[in-house]
């Protein structure tokens, strides 16, 4: 879907990298090896995004490190477009309803780092989660978004213990009970 609107693969990868998880930080050479693309193509896009105010940068030693500008007026819109592009909005909508006492849903794995992968990793946090129902919903969601889903279920205490050992870039809160 987004590929039809934005024809530059590099631009789509950078948007996913920085705007799916706003804590993601990266520098040119790291992006070059991660994306498998030329540094020149990546540099051009980084400069465009920085000039537009979508990315901020800071020096870390001799490396210029980029990060999404969370204060940019379009940040939330771009983030929501990426969630829709990946089908995560539909997963949350379909899975959370009727699943039990769900408190939070996190994205982990490659997608939390802003890297497209084969599998979308999710963590469901709550009490008395209906796991049989979850398996059925995951199966339906996989067919709908044409991606594989892998998930863990935790109580709030278990989730706290699990996430405490992680960097903030390793997980992304997708949904929280109001």
Foldseek 3Di string as FASTA:
>chain_A
DVCVVPVDPLLLLVLLQAQQAQVAKDFQVVVCVQVVDDSVVNVVNVVVCVVVVQWDWDDDPNTIMIGGDCPPPCSVVSNVVVCVLQLVVVLCVQQVPPQPFWFFKKWFDQSLNSHDDQETEMETEDPPGPVVVNVVSQVVSCVVSVGHYDYYYYYPVRVCVVCVVDDSSGMDTDDGDD
